[in-house]
Amino acid sequence: MSTQANVMPNPGVDQPVRPNRRRPELPYGKQLLYQVMLLFIAFITLFPILWVVSLSLDPRSISRPTELNLIPPGASLAAYQKVMDQPTNNKISFAELAFNSAKLGVGVSLFAVAIGVSAAYVFSRFDIRGRRVLMLAVLAVLMLPSIGAIAPLYVLLNKIQIGAGPAETLRNSLLGVGLAITSGALPFSIWNLKGYLDTIPRDLEEAARIDGATINQTFRLIILPLATPALAVTAFLGFLSGWTEFALSWQFLSNVKDFTLSMALWNMTGQYSGQVPWSNFAAMSILVAAPVAVVYLALQKYIIGGLTIGSVK
């Protein structure tokens, strides 16, 4: 009877290391197909941006932008300098336009967050009388297009006098425009924040109350820090709506000193495409979009978390 000896590995001798090759989750053919699809999506997304950037550097003042040169002949920043000095024929500089837009954006963002989170907390935590009806009313306002409220807002704000002159009404001021934009941003803010607050466990608030915290302390010290992603989303979208608002500003404002960037951008267009200073228009577009991109990058980690949780719960 033959016996087979078990050969034990010698710990003093280095054993060959087998490479741990992880098998791909997808076949290489599918991976290649997905990569091509992603590159195509990236191309069609970035192509218009590259065109606008190239057009803003073109000093030829072409009447029709029919060609794309990543670096146009004689590329310069003259269009940016022209826009920064005075974008349109109106006696107002780019800095003044940006300051007016910033006042609208920041104001709408702050009011939408402050009022929205307070109302959302009540809807989420308190069983008040008429709660369901109020929530349906907020949802009904959210479903209506904001531009449909221009007429009643115009009449309402035009009746509030803030100065001695006949044209010095709340309607003809940045404050009135900001209030009008905030009224349209609040329904989304309330619903988005309520959906996020519903995901925060009530046990945390009950534990804080057992320790002696009041409702205001619980809201300020527990709820608000935990709701930071949703607050960031609401603040960013509020800033975006105020920064880029055109319809309300164009209908309400008549004083050149109150004009915004979007109004100036519209004033740069002509009746026909050949009448548009395309290089200046492209430079103005980039300067208008740049602050929004900066704000998004600053709040990116909060915005991603808020978008994936708040509105779907």
Foldseek 3Di string as FASTA:
>chain_A
DDDDDDDDDDPVDDDDDDDDDDDDPDDPVVVVVVVVVVVVVVCVVCVVVLQLVCLLQDPPLFLDSPDRDSPDPPGDNVLLVVQQQPLFPDPDGQVLQAVLLQCLLQLLLVVLLVVQLVLLCCLQPPDDPCSVVVLVVLVVLLPDDLLVCLVVLQVVQLVAADDDDNLRTSLAASNSLSVSLSVNLNSVSNQLNNQQLNPDDCVVVVVVVVVPDDPVCCCVVPVVVVSQLSSLQSSLVSSVCSNQPDPSCVVRHDDPSNHHLNVSLVNQDDPDSSSHSSNSSSSSVCVSCVVSVVSCVVSVVSPVVSVVGRNPD
